[in-house]
């Protein structure tokens, strides 16, 4: 989910700790980093 941004400079996304599909076979081993900037 988008958690922070500054227009024209950066966008920050944070891994949703309550993400519904964390244990889904299609998602296992993916989306491993906590923060994407």
ModelCIF file with pLDDT and N, C-alpha, C, O atoms, coordinates in Angstrom:
data_MODEL
#
_entry.id   MODEL 
#
_entity.id                         1 
_entity.type                       polymer 
_entity.pdbx_number_of_molecules   1 
#
_entity_poly.entity_id                      1 
_entity_poly.type                           'polypeptide(L)' 
_entity_poly.nstd_linkage                   no 
_entity_poly.nstd_monomer                   no 
_entity_poly.pdbx_seq_one_letter_code       
;(UNK)(UNK)(UNK)(UNK)(UNK)(UNK)(UNK)(UNK)(UNK)(UNK)(UNK)(UNK)(UNK)(UNK)(UNK)(UNK)
(UNK)(UNK)(UNK)(UNK)(UNK)(UNK)(UNK)(UNK)(UNK)(UNK)(UNK)(UNK)(UNK)(UNK)(UNK)(UNK)
(UNK)(UNK)(UNK)(UNK)(UNK)
;
_entity_poly.pdbx_seq_one_letter_code_can   XXXXXXXXXXXXXXXXXXXXXXXXXXXXXXXXXXXXX 
_entity_poly.pdbx_strand_id                 A 
#
loop_
_entity_poly_seq.entity_id 
_entity_poly_seq.num 
_entity_poly_seq.mon_id 
_entity_poly_seq.hetero 
1 1  UNK n 
1 2  UNK n 
1 3  UNK n 
1 4  UNK n 
1 5  UNK n 
1 6  UNK n 
1 7  UNK n 
1 8  UNK n 
1 9  UNK n 
1 10 UNK n 
1 11 UNK n 
1 12 UNK n 
1 13 UNK n 
1 14 UNK n 
1 15 UNK n 
1 16 UNK n 
1 17 UNK n 
1 18 UNK n 
1 19 UNK n 
1 20 UNK n 
1 21 UNK n 
1 22 UNK n 
1 23 UNK n 
1 24 UNK n 
1 25 UNK n 
1 26 UNK n 
1 27 UNK n 
1 28 UNK n 
1 29 UNK n 
1 30 UNK n 
1 31 UNK n 
1 32 UNK n 
1 33 UNK n 
1 34 UNK n 
1 35 UNK n 
1 36 UNK n 
1 37 UNK n 
#
_struct_asym.id          A 
_struct_asym.entity_id   1 
#
loop_
_ma_qa_metric.id 
_ma_qa_metric.mode 
_ma_qa_metric.name 
_ma_qa_metric.software_group_id 
_ma_qa_metric.type 
1 global pLDDT . pLDDT 
2 local  pLDDT . pLDDT 
#
_ma_qa_metric_global.metric_id      1 
_ma_qa_metric_global.metric_value   95.86 
_ma_qa_metric_global.model_id       1 
_ma_qa_metric_global.ordinal_id     1 
#
loop_
_ma_qa_metric_local.label_asym_id 
_ma_qa_metric_local.label_comp_id 
_ma_qa_metric_local.label_seq_id 
_ma_qa_metric_local.metric_id 
_ma_qa_metric_local.metric_value 
_ma_qa_metric_local.model_id 
_ma_qa_metric_local.ordinal_id 
A UNK 1  2 95.00 1 1  
A UNK 2  2 95.00 1 2  
A UNK 3  2 95.00 1 3  
A UNK 4  2 95.00 1 4  
A UNK 5  2 95.00 1 5  
A UNK 6  2 95.00 1 6  
A UNK 7  2 91.00 1 7  
A UNK 8  2 91.00 1 8  
A UNK 9  2 95.00 1 9  
A UNK 10 2 96.00 1 10 
A UNK 11 2 96.00 1 11 
A UNK 12 2 97.00 1 12 
A UNK 13 2 96.00 1 13 
A UNK 14 2 97.00 1 14 
A UNK 15 2 96.00 1 15 
A UNK 16 2 96.00 1 16 
A UNK 17 2 95.00 1 17 
A UNK 18 2 96.00 1 18 
A UNK 19 2 97.00 1 19 
A UNK 20 2 97.00 1 20 
A UNK 21 2 97.00 1 21 
A UNK 22 2 96.00 1 22 
A UNK 23 2 95.00 1 23 
A UNK 24 2 97.00 1 24 
A UNK 25 2 97.00 1 25 
A UNK 26 2 97.00 1 26 
A UNK 27 2 97.00 1 27 
A UNK 28 2 97.00 1 28 
A UNK 29 2 96.00 1 29 
A UNK 30 2 96.00 1 30 
A UNK 31 2 95.00 1 31 
A UNK 32 2 96.00 1 32 
A UNK 33 2 97.00 1 33 
A UNK 34 2 97.00 1 34 
A UNK 35 2 97.00 1 35 
A UNK 36 2 97.00 1 36 
A UNK 37 2 97.00 1 37 
#
loop_
_atom_site.group_PDB 
_atom_site.id 
_atom_site.type_symbol 
_atom_site.label_atom_id 
_atom_site.label_alt_id 
_atom_site.label_comp_id 
_atom_site.label_asym_id 
_atom_site.label_entity_id 
_atom_site.label_seq_id 
_atom_site.pdbx_PDB_ins_code 
_atom_site.Cartn_x 
_atom_site.Cartn_y 
_atom_site.Cartn_z 
_atom_site.occupancy 
_atom_site.B_iso_or_equiv 
_atom_site.pdbx_formal_charge 
_atom_site.auth_seq_id 
_atom_site.auth_comp_id 
_atom_site.auth_asym_id 
_atom_site.auth_atom_id 
_atom_site.pdbx_PDB_model_num 
ATOM 1   N N  . UNK A 1 1  ? 0.856  -1.181  0.000  1.00 95.00 ? 1  UNK A N  1 
ATOM 2   C CA . UNK A 1 1  ? 0.000  0.000   0.000  1.00 95.00 ? 1  UNK A CA 1 
ATOM 3   C C  . UNK A 1 1  ? 0.897  1.238   0.000  1.00 95.00 ? 1  UNK A C  1 
ATOM 4   O O  . UNK A 1 1  ? 1.996  1.221   0.554  1.00 95.00 ? 1  UNK A O  1 
ATOM 5   N N  . UNK A 1 2  ? 0.417  2.296   -0.622 1.00 95.00 ? 2  UNK A N  1 
ATOM 6   C CA . UNK A 1 2  ? 1.154  3.561   -0.641 1.00 95.00 ? 2  UNK A CA 1 
ATOM 7   C C  . UNK A 1 2  ? 1.065  4.196   0.743  1.00 95.00 ? 2  UNK A C  1 
ATOM 8   O O  . UNK A 1 2  ? -0.026 4.444   1.256  1.00 95.00 ? 2  UNK A O  1 
ATOM 9   N N  . UNK A 1 3  ? 2.223  4.453   1.337  1.00 95.00 ? 3  UNK A N  1 
ATOM 10  C CA . UNK A 1 3  ? 2.238  5.004   2.699  1.00 95.00 ? 3  UNK A CA 1 
ATOM 11  C C  . UNK A 1 3  ? 2.870  6.386   2.778  1.00 95.00 ? 3  UNK A C  1 
ATOM 12  O O  . UNK A 1 3  ? 2.703  7.078   3.782  1.00 95.00 ? 3  UNK A O  1 
ATOM 13  N N  . UNK A 1 4  ? 3.594  6.806   1.741  1.00 95.00 ? 4  UNK A N  1 
ATOM 14  C CA . UNK A 1 4  ? 4.213  8.132   1.779  1.00 95.00 ? 4  UNK A CA 1 
ATOM 15  C C  . UNK A 1 4  ? 4.583  8.541   0.364  1.00 95.00 ? 4  UNK A C  1 
ATOM 16  O O  . UNK A 1 4  ? 4.854  7.692   -0.485 1.00 95.00 ? 4  UNK A O  1 
ATOM 17  N N  . UNK A 1 5  ? 4.592  9.844   0.110  1.00 95.00 ? 5  UNK A N  1 
ATOM 18  C CA . UNK A 1 5  ? 5.020  10.359  -1.192 1.00 95.00 ? 5  UNK A CA 1 
ATOM 19  C C  . UNK A 1 5  ? 5.304  11.846  -1.074 1.00 95.00 ? 5  UNK A C  1 
ATOM 20  O O  . UNK A 1 5  ? 4.821  12.522  -0.165 1.00 95.00 ? 5  UNK A O  1 
ATOM 21  N N  . UNK A 1 6  ? 6.094  12.335  -2.012 1.00 95.00 ? 6  UNK A N  1 
ATOM 22  C CA . UNK A 1 6  ? 6.361  13.759  -2.159 1.00 95.00 ? 6  UNK A CA 1 
ATOM 23  C C  . UNK A 1 6  ? 6.294  14.030  -3.647 1.00 95.00 ? 6  UNK A C  1 
ATOM 24  O O  . UNK A 1 6  ? 7.090  13.489  -4.414 1.00 95.00 ? 6  UNK A O  1 
ATOM 25  N N  . UNK A 1 7  ? 5.356  14.859  -4.060 1.00 91.00 ? 7  UNK A N  1 
ATOM 26  C CA . UNK A 1 7  ? 5.074  15.069  -5.487 1.00 91.00 ? 7  UNK A CA 1 
ATOM 27  C C  . UNK A 1 7  ? 6.338  15.289  -6.299 1.00 91.00 ? 7  UNK A C  1 
ATOM 28  O O  . UNK A 1 7  ? 7.120  16.202  -6.034 1.00 91.00 ? 7  UNK A O  1 
ATOM 29  N N  . UNK A 1 8  ? 6.520  14.429  -7.299 1.00 91.00 ? 8  UNK A N  1 
ATOM 30  C CA . UNK A 1 8  ? 7.647  14.560  -8.204 1.00 91.00 ? 8  UNK A CA 1 
ATOM 31  C C  . UNK A 1 8  ? 8.964  14.067  -7.668 1.00 91.00 ? 8  UNK A C  1 
ATOM 32  O O  . UNK A 1 8  ? 9.956  14.083  -8.396 1.00 91.00 ? 8  UNK A O  1 
ATOM 33  N N  . UNK A 1 9  ? 9.020  13.619  -6.394 1.00 95.00 ? 9  UNK A N  1 
ATOM 34  C CA . UNK A 1 9  ? 10.303 13.238  -5.786 1.00 95.00 ? 9  UNK A CA 1 
ATOM 35  C C  . UNK A 1 9  ? 10.371 11.767  -5.406 1.00 95.00 ? 9  UNK A C  1 
ATOM 36  O O  . UNK A 1 9  ? 11.335 11.090  -5.762 1.00 95.00 ? 9  UNK A O  1 
ATOM 37  N N  . UNK A 1 10 ? 9.372  11.254  -4.691 1.00 96.00 ? 10 UNK A N  1 
ATOM 38  C CA . UNK A 1 10 ? 9.419  9.842   -4.325 1.00 96.00 ? 10 UNK A CA 1 
ATOM 39  C C  . UNK A 1 10 ? 8.021  9.339   -3.998 1.00 96.00 ? 10 UNK A C  1 
ATOM 40  O O  . UNK A 1 10 ? 7.117  10.105  -3.664 1.00 96.00 ? 10 UNK A O  1 
ATOM 41  N N  . UNK A 1 11 ? 7.879  8.011   -4.108 1.00 96.00 ? 11 UNK A N  1 
ATOM 42  C CA . UNK A 1 11 ? 6.688  7.303   -3.642 1.00 96.00 ? 11 UNK A CA 1 
ATOM 43  C C  . UNK A 1 11 ? 7.180  6.121   -2.814 1.00 96.00 ? 11 UNK A C  1 
ATOM 44  O O  . UNK A 1 11 ? 8.111  5.420   -3.212 1.00 96.00 ? 11 UNK A O  1 
ATOM 45  N N  . UNK A 1 12 ? 6.558  5.906   -1.673 1.00 97.00 ? 12 UNK A N  1 
ATOM 46  C CA . UNK A 1 12 ? 6.957  4.800   -0.799 1.00 97.00 ? 12 UNK A CA 1 
ATOM 47  C C  . UNK A 1 12 ? 5.776  3.863   -0.584 1.00 97.00 ? 12 UNK A C  1 
ATOM 48  O O  . UNK A 1 12 ? 4.669  4.298   -0.266 1.00 97.00 ? 12 UNK A O  1 
ATOM 49  N N  . UNK A 1 13 ? 6.031  2.568   -0.764 1.00 96.00 ? 13 UNK A N  1 
ATOM 50  C CA . UNK A 1 13 ? 5.028  1.541   -0.518 1.00 96.00 ? 13 UNK A CA 1 
ATOM 51  C C  . UNK A 1 13 ? 5.509  0.636   0.610  1.00 96.00 ? 13 UNK A C  1 
ATOM 52  O O  . UNK A 1 13 ? 6.699  0.338   0.718  1.00 96.00 ? 13 UNK A O  1 
ATOM 53  N N  . UNK A 1 14 ? 4.580  0.210   1.437  1.00 97.00 ? 14 UNK A N  1 
ATOM 54  C CA . UNK A 1 14 ? 4.905  -0.649  2.575  1.00 97.00 ? 14 UNK A CA 1 
ATOM 55  C C  . UNK A 1 14 ? 4.126  -1.954  2.459  1.00 97.00 ? 14 UNK A C  1 
ATOM 56  O O  . UNK A 1 14 ? 2.940  -1.967  2.128  1.00 97.00 ? 14 UNK A O  1 
ATOM 57  N N  . UNK A 1 15 ? 4.823  -3.044  2.741  1.00 96.00 ? 15 UNK A N  1 
ATOM 58  C CA . UNK A 1 15 ? 4.155  -4.346  2.697  1.00 96.00 ? 15 UNK A CA 1 
ATOM 59  C C  . UNK A 1 15 ? 3.096  -4.420  3.777  1.00 96.00 ? 15 UNK A C  1 
ATOM 60  O O  . UNK A 1 15 ? 3.361  -4.145  4.948  1.00 96.00 ? 15 UNK A O  1 
ATOM 61  N N  . UNK A 1 16 ? 1.900  -4.794  3.372  1.00 96.00 ? 16 UNK A N  1 
ATOM 62  C CA . UNK A 1 16 ? 0.765  -4.878  4.275  1.00 96.00 ? 16 UNK A CA 1 
ATOM 63  C C  . UNK A 1 16 ? 0.908  -6.120  5.147  1.00 96.00 ? 16 UNK A C  1 
ATOM 64  O O  . UNK A 1 16 ? 0.810  -7.243  4.652  1.00 96.00 ? 16 UNK A O  1 
ATOM 65  N N  . UNK A 1 17 ? 1.135  -5.926  6.429  1.00 95.00 ? 17 UNK A N  1 
ATOM 66  C CA . UNK A 1 17 ? 1.320  -7.050  7.347  1.00 95.00 ? 17 UNK A CA 1 
ATOM 67  C C  . UNK A 1 17 ? 0.069  -7.918  7.439  1.00 95.00 ? 17 UNK A C  1 
ATOM 68  O O  . UNK A 1 17 ? 0.143  -9.089  7.814  1.00 95.00 ? 17 UNK A O  1 
ATOM 69  N N  . UNK A 1 18 ? -1.081 -7.336  7.095  1.00 96.00 ? 18 UNK A N  1 
ATOM 70  C CA . UNK A 1 18 ? -2.336 -8.086  7.148  1.00 96.00 ? 18 UNK A CA 1 
ATOM 71  C C  . UNK A 1 18 ? -2.791 -8.524  5.758  1.00 96.00 ? 18 UNK A C  1 
ATOM 72  O O  . UNK A 1 18 ? -3.965 -8.836  5.560  1.00 96.00 ? 18 UNK A O  1 
ATOM 73  N N  . UNK A 1 19 ? -1.874 -8.550  4.803  1.00 97.00 ? 19 UNK A N  1 
ATOM 74  C CA . UNK A 1 19 ? -2.212 -8.929  3.429  1.00 97.00 ? 19 UNK A CA 1 
ATOM 75  C C  . UNK A 1 19 ? -2.881 -10.299 3.403  1.00 97.00 ? 19 UNK A C  1 
ATOM 76  O O  . UNK A 1 19 ? -2.362 -11.269 3.956  1.00 97.00 ? 19 UNK A O  1 
ATOM 77  N N  . UNK A 1 20 ? -4.016 -10.361 2.767  1.00 97.00 ? 20 UNK A N  1 
ATOM 78  C CA . UNK A 1 20 ? -4.852 -11.554 2.794  1.00 97.00 ? 20 UNK A CA 1 
ATOM 79  C C  . UNK A 1 20 ? -4.172 -12.781 2.161  1.00 97.00 ? 20 UNK A C  1 
ATOM 80  O O  . UNK A 1 20 ? -4.421 -13.912 2.576  1.00 97.00 ? 20 UNK A O  1 
ATOM 81  N N  . UNK A 1 21 ? -3.314 -12.550 1.155  1.00 97.00 ? 21 UNK A N  1 
ATOM 82  C CA . UNK A 1 21 ? -2.768 -13.663 0.373  1.00 97.00 ? 21 UNK A CA 1 
ATOM 83  C C  . UNK A 1 21 ? -1.357 -14.052 0.740  1.00 97.00 ? 21 UNK A C  1 
ATOM 84  O O  . UNK A 1 21 ? -0.673 -14.684 -0.064 1.00 97.00 ? 21 UNK A O  1 
ATOM 85  N N  . UNK A 1 22 ? -0.895 -13.699 1.922  1.00 96.00 ? 22 UNK A N  1 
ATOM 86  C CA . UNK A 1 22 ? 0.499  -13.959 2.298  1.00 96.00 ? 22 UNK A CA 1 
ATOM 87  C C  . UNK A 1 22 ? 0.868  -15.434 2.186  1.00 96.00 ? 22 UNK A C  1 
ATOM 88  O O  . UNK A 1 22 ? 2.014  -15.757 1.874  1.00 96.00 ? 22 UNK A O  1 
ATOM 89  N N  . UNK A 1 23 ? -0.079 -16.333 2.436  1.00 95.00 ? 23 UNK A N  1 
ATOM 90  C CA . UNK A 1 23 ? 0.200  -17.766 2.379  1.00 95.00 ? 23 UNK A CA 1 
ATOM 91  C C  . UNK A 1 23 ? -0.341 -18.428 1.118  1.00 95.00 ? 23 UNK A C  1 
ATOM 92  O O  . UNK A 1 23 ? -0.333 -19.654 1.006  1.00 95.00 ? 23 UNK A O  1 
ATOM 93  N N  . UNK A 1 24 ? -0.805 -17.630 0.182  1.00 97.00 ? 24 UNK A N  1 
ATOM 94  C CA . UNK A 1 24 ? -1.333 -18.181 -1.073 1.00 97.00 ? 24 UNK A CA 1 
ATOM 95  C C  . UNK A 1 24 ? -0.177 -18.770 -1.884 1.00 97.00 ? 24 UNK A C  1 
ATOM 96  O O  . UNK A 1 24 ? 0.883  -18.148 -1.950 1.00 97.00 ? 24 UNK A O  1 
ATOM 97  N N  . UNK A 1 25 ? -0.335 -19.939 -2.499 1.00 97.00 ? 25 UNK A N  1 
ATOM 98  C CA . UNK A 1 25 ? 0.765  -20.540 -3.276 1.00 97.00 ? 25 UNK A CA 1 
ATOM 99  C C  . UNK A 1 25 ? 1.324  -19.604 -4.344 1.00 97.00 ? 25 UNK A C  1 
ATOM 100 O O  . UNK A 1 25 ? 2.528  -19.610 -4.599 1.00 97.00 ? 25 UNK A O  1 
ATOM 101 N N  . UNK A 1 26 ? 0.469  -18.803 -4.968 1.00 97.00 ? 26 UNK A N  1 
ATOM 102 C CA . UNK A 1 26 ? 0.937  -17.900 -6.011 1.00 97.00 ? 26 UNK A CA 1 
ATOM 103 C C  . UNK A 1 26 ? 1.827  -16.804 -5.443 1.00 97.00 ? 26 UNK A C  1 
ATOM 104 O O  . UNK A 1 26 ? 2.664  -16.251 -6.157 1.00 97.00 ? 26 UNK A O  1 
ATOM 105 N N  . UNK A 1 27 ? 1.653  -16.488 -4.173 1.00 97.00 ? 27 UNK A N  1 
ATOM 106 C CA . UNK A 1 27 ? 2.406  -15.405 -3.533 1.00 97.00 ? 27 UNK A CA 1 
ATOM 107 C C  . UNK A 1 27 ? 3.583  -15.900 -2.695 1.00 97.00 ? 27 UNK A C  1 
ATOM 108 O O  . UNK A 1 27 ? 4.413  -15.095 -2.272 1.00 97.00 ? 27 UNK A O  1 
ATOM 109 N N  . UNK A 1 28 ? 3.669  -17.177 -2.453 1.00 97.00 ? 28 UNK A N  1 
ATOM 110 C CA . UNK A 1 28 ? 4.738  -17.688 -1.597 1.00 97.00 ? 28 UNK A CA 1 
ATOM 111 C C  . UNK A 1 28 ? 6.100  -17.417 -2.243 1.00 97.00 ? 28 UNK A C  1 
ATOM 112 O O  . UNK A 1 28 ? 6.317  -17.757 -3.406 1.00 97.00 ? 28 UNK A O  1 
ATOM 113 N N  . UNK A 1 29 ? 7.006  -16.811 -1.491 1.00 96.00 ? 29 UNK A N  1 
ATOM 114 C CA . UNK A 1 29 ? 8.328  -16.500 -2.013 1.00 96.00 ? 29 UNK A CA 1 
ATOM 115 C C  . UNK A 1 29 ? 8.404  -15.196 -2.791 1.00 96.00 ? 29 UNK A C  1 
ATOM 116 O O  . UNK A 1 29 ? 9.453  -14.865 -3.344 1.00 96.00 ? 29 UNK A O  1 
ATOM 117 N N  . UNK A 1 30 ? 7.303  -14.451 -2.841 1.00 96.00 ? 30 UNK A N  1 
ATOM 118 C CA . UNK A 1 30 ? 7.277  -13.158 -3.530 1.00 96.00 ? 30 UNK A CA 1 
ATOM 119 C C  . UNK A 1 30 ? 7.010  -12.044 -2.521 1.00 96.00 ? 30 UNK A C  1 
ATOM 120 O O  . UNK A 1 30 ? 6.693  -12.307 -1.361 1.00 96.00 ? 30 UNK A O  1 
ATOM 121 N N  . UNK A 1 31 ? 7.140  -10.802 -2.972 1.00 95.00 ? 31 UNK A N  1 
ATOM 122 C CA . UNK A 1 31 ? 6.846  -9.644  -2.115 1.00 95.00 ? 31 UNK A CA 1 
ATOM 123 C C  . UNK A 1 31 ? 7.582  -9.744  -0.791 1.00 95.00 ? 31 UNK A C  1 
ATOM 124 O O  . UNK A 1 31 ? 6.983  -9.657  0.281  1.00 95.00 ? 31 UNK A O  1 
ATOM 125 N N  . UNK A 1 32 ? 8.891  -9.929  -0.886 1.00 96.00 ? 32 UNK A N  1 
ATOM 126 C CA . UNK A 1 32 ? 9.700  -10.216 0.296  1.00 96.00 ? 32 UNK A CA 1 
ATOM 127 C C  . UNK A 1 32 ? 10.203 -8.977  1.029  1.00 96.00 ? 32 UNK A C  1 
ATOM 128 O O  . UNK A 1 32 ? 10.437 -9.027  2.236  1.00 96.00 ? 32 UNK A O  1 
ATOM 129 N N  . UNK A 1 33 ? 10.374 -7.857  0.306  1.00 97.00 ? 33 UNK A N  1 
ATOM 130 C CA . UNK A 1 33 ? 10.920 -6.672  0.972  1.00 97.00 ? 33 UNK A CA 1 
ATOM 131 C C  . UNK A 1 33 ? 9.803  -5.936  1.711  1.00 97.00 ? 33 UNK A C  1 
ATOM 132 O O  . UNK A 1 33 ? 8.646  -5.956  1.290  1.00 97.00 ? 33 UNK A O  1 
ATOM 133 N N  . UNK A 1 34 ? 10.160 -5.296  2.800  1.00 97.00 ? 34 UNK A N  1 
ATOM 134 C CA . UNK A 1 34 ? 9.159  -4.600  3.615  1.00 97.00 ? 34 UNK A CA 1 
ATOM 135 C C  . UNK A 1 34 ? 8.739  -3.278  2.994  1.00 97.00 ? 34 UNK A C  1 
ATOM 136 O O  . UNK A 1 34 ? 7.566  -2.907  3.024  1.00 97.00 ? 34 UNK A O  1 
ATOM 137 N N  . UNK A 1 35 ? 9.719  -2.570  2.428  1.00 97.00 ? 35 UNK A N  1 
ATOM 138 C CA . UNK A 1 35 ? 9.448  -1.226  1.915  1.00 97.00 ? 35 UNK A CA 1 
ATOM 139 C C  . UNK A 1 35 ? 10.025 -1.083  0.516  1.00 97.00 ? 35 UNK A C  1 
ATOM 140 O O  . UNK A 1 35 ? 11.157 -1.484  0.248  1.00 97.00 ? 35 UNK A O  1 
ATOM 141 N N  . UNK A 1 36 ? 9.225  -0.505  -0.370 1.00 97.00 ? 36 UNK A N  1 
ATOM 142 C CA . UNK A 1 36 ? 9.671  -0.181  -1.731 1.00 97.00 ? 36 UNK A CA 1 
ATOM 143 C C  . UNK A 1 36 ? 9.607  1.328   -1.885 1.00 97.00 ? 36 UNK A C  1 
ATOM 144 O O  . UNK A 1 36 ? 8.562  1.948   -1.687 1.00 97.00 ? 36 UNK A O  1 
ATOM 145 N N  . UNK A 1 37 ? 10.743 1.904   -2.240 1.00 97.00 ? 37 UNK A N  1 
ATOM 146 C CA . UNK A 1 37 ? 10.805 3.356   -2.386 1.00 97.00 ? 37 UNK A CA 1 
ATOM 147 C C  . UNK A 1 37 ? 11.248 3.692   -3.808 1.00 97.00 ? 37 UNK A C  1 
ATOM 148 O O  . UNK A 1 37 ? 11.370 4.867   -4.156 1.00 97.00 ? 37 UNK A O  1 
#
